[in-house]
Amino acid sequence: MDSSSKNSPGTYQYVIVGAGPAGLQMGYFLKRAGRNYVILEASDVPGSFFRTNPVHRTLISINKRFNPFPEHEYNMRHDWNSLLSHDLELLFTKYSKELFPSADDLVRYMNDFATKLEINIKYNTRVKEISKYKGNEPNVNFKIMTTEGAVYKAEVMLVATGAVSERIPEEIKGKEYMKTYGTHDIDPEKYEGKAVLIIGNGNSAFEAANNLAGHASVVHIVGDRKLKYAWETHFVGDLRAINNTILDMYQLKSLAVYLSSLLQSVEKTPEGKYLCVFKDVVAHWEKKQGYYFLRPPAYDHVICCTGFNYVDLSMFAEDCKPETKAGGKFPKLSNTWESSIPNMYFMGTSMQCNDRKAASGFIHGFRYNIRTLSNFLNEKYNGVPYPTVEVDMNVDAIAERIIKRVSVGDSIYQMNDFLVHVVGIPDFEPGKEDMVKAHFYEDLPKPYVFESRRFFEKYKDVLVIKLVYGFDEFEKIAVANDFVHTPDFEVGRCHAFLHPRVAHYLNGEYQSQCLLHESFVLRYDVPGFLDQNPDININILKNFLNKFLKLEPGKEWNASFFGSEELFKSRVFPFTEEEKKRVPDLSGFNACVPYSIDLMPR
């Protein structure tokens, strides 16, 4: 597949549509691997979406420049905007000092990334149609035609078009009277003294409301469900604290409201105002239950901010249309991000269709998904095995490798409980462990690990390593800030915050798991407190490994948080008799108590 020049029409092994952050990231990995690829970009710059979005120009992706440890990977844990590369000068933290930076800085950064790393991009090239290739050229699966009539051919199609259109509820009668997130006037003075209705329950709706909250007389936000807060769900696409000013105003009685209801219709009055009808579920009413149709006073403005679609089916020929989900919002993807059309993959923010727990919808998440995808592509289409690190078959070496990766690694951190590490341990005869190596695989989608079974079929013993929040330990439903005391360090339970878990599988069957202690600085290789056993986490892990590997029979490492029973007794001071009477009754809980226990008033 060398019939193409640098980016002219022709045949490529990989064709990427879209030069946003996802297209640039994959372009970087393909270039580093020496692959024949091209990126087709409709605009004249990379990242053109961010020229206009977000419309109020402030990103909600964190730009944290200062951290307590020097490792590059550790610092990437807190840099939400940089793309991955070997050039440590190409970090977004060098482009802005703001914690929530301007989208203009991101456009500037992406342009420098594309230019300095010489990513192969064909600008001003809009794709008109992607169809299945019907010719005789070998290893070609797709024909890509541009609006100018140029034809590109590809073995592998990589779609990185991001948010392609605003999502407008079709069932709303009179929806033509609504402005949208992208079309409404963002000058807040236009709304002075006005009553404003905003439809939506995500960040775009609350961002728009924040912008005009200090000018409008009334702001109502109406969504179709209970709000989901990012600090509760840990999914970055849910409502962020930076955007929730309206909720403060609502609960502090400042003429702002959030209501979960369905907008049925918008009618324009002769005075140029808008009468709206909402359908509300009233199952909680005492005398009669069902639906109540609300008719509030007319609004001066109605703005629809109900999110985006992440797949544009008009770009695909009938024989090449991928299946979608969530009412056409997302492409339907496999656990390796392949669509229903073989050899066609989707990348970038559309990857969140497989992940509603971590960060796949943002740069700081999908940059790692794309690195993993590039390794899958190298393996499937170029015969390069998925990367692995060989580790000596001894307890110290395996434990040290695991502790280092969960303490410093950025991918398993940003993509917690979605990307996992896998350690494959071949079968070996006792006393001959020095003849084999443990194999360490990084950044695999957890669903893929369990669906493919490739590691369980290859190795007798398998470890699956992940970073997780610990609310599954709690007996009742809890949210993030309900439990704000330290966990039970000595026993090793009730860890609500992010911490590592290592699960052991024998011949493909789950055996047990090892839980390491959480840390304020999210490292598990350094002590979090001055009076703790500094080696507690690695010693917990060594005991766990030795139990089934039996490499050092009979040996046990000190896994006490304080180092000894005597120190434990001297560091934890018992309640006085008077204080014991003020401890709430906890007899109803068999597991972790899902809220902070404080002494009752005297």
Foldseek 3Di string as FASTA:
>chain_A
DPQDDLAAAEEFAEEEEAQELWVLLLLLLCVVVVGGYEYEAQAPAHNVVLVCPPVVFWAPQFDDDDADDDDPQQVLLRQFQFFDDPDPVLGLNVQDPDRGDGSVSSRVSSRCSCVVSVRHYDYNWAWQEKEFDDDDDPLWGIWTATPVGGIHTHNFYEYEHFFDFADDPPQAAACVQAAESRGDDLPLQVQAAFAEEEEAQWQSRLQSCVSNVVGHQAYEYEYQDDADECQFLVFVRGHYPVRVPLVVCCVVVRRYYYYNWAWHYWDADPVRWIWTWTWDFPCVDDPDGDIDIDTDDTGNHYYYYHGGATDDQSRYDPNGGFPADPVRRAFDADQLQATPGPSYGYAELSVCVVPRRFYRNGSSARSLSSVQSSLVCCCPPVVDHQDKDWWQPDLVGVLVVLQVCQARHNHLSRRFPFFKKKKADADDDQPCSRVGTIIIGGGRGPVCCLVVVPRLVHGQKMKIKHKDFDQVQFPDDAGDAQADDADPQQVQADRGDIWMKIWMDGSRHTDDIFTFGAAPSSHRQADRDPQFDGCQRSQSSSVVVCVPVVNPPPDHDQNGGRRDPVSVVVPDDDDDPVQVVQWDDPVVTPTDHRGYTDGHDD
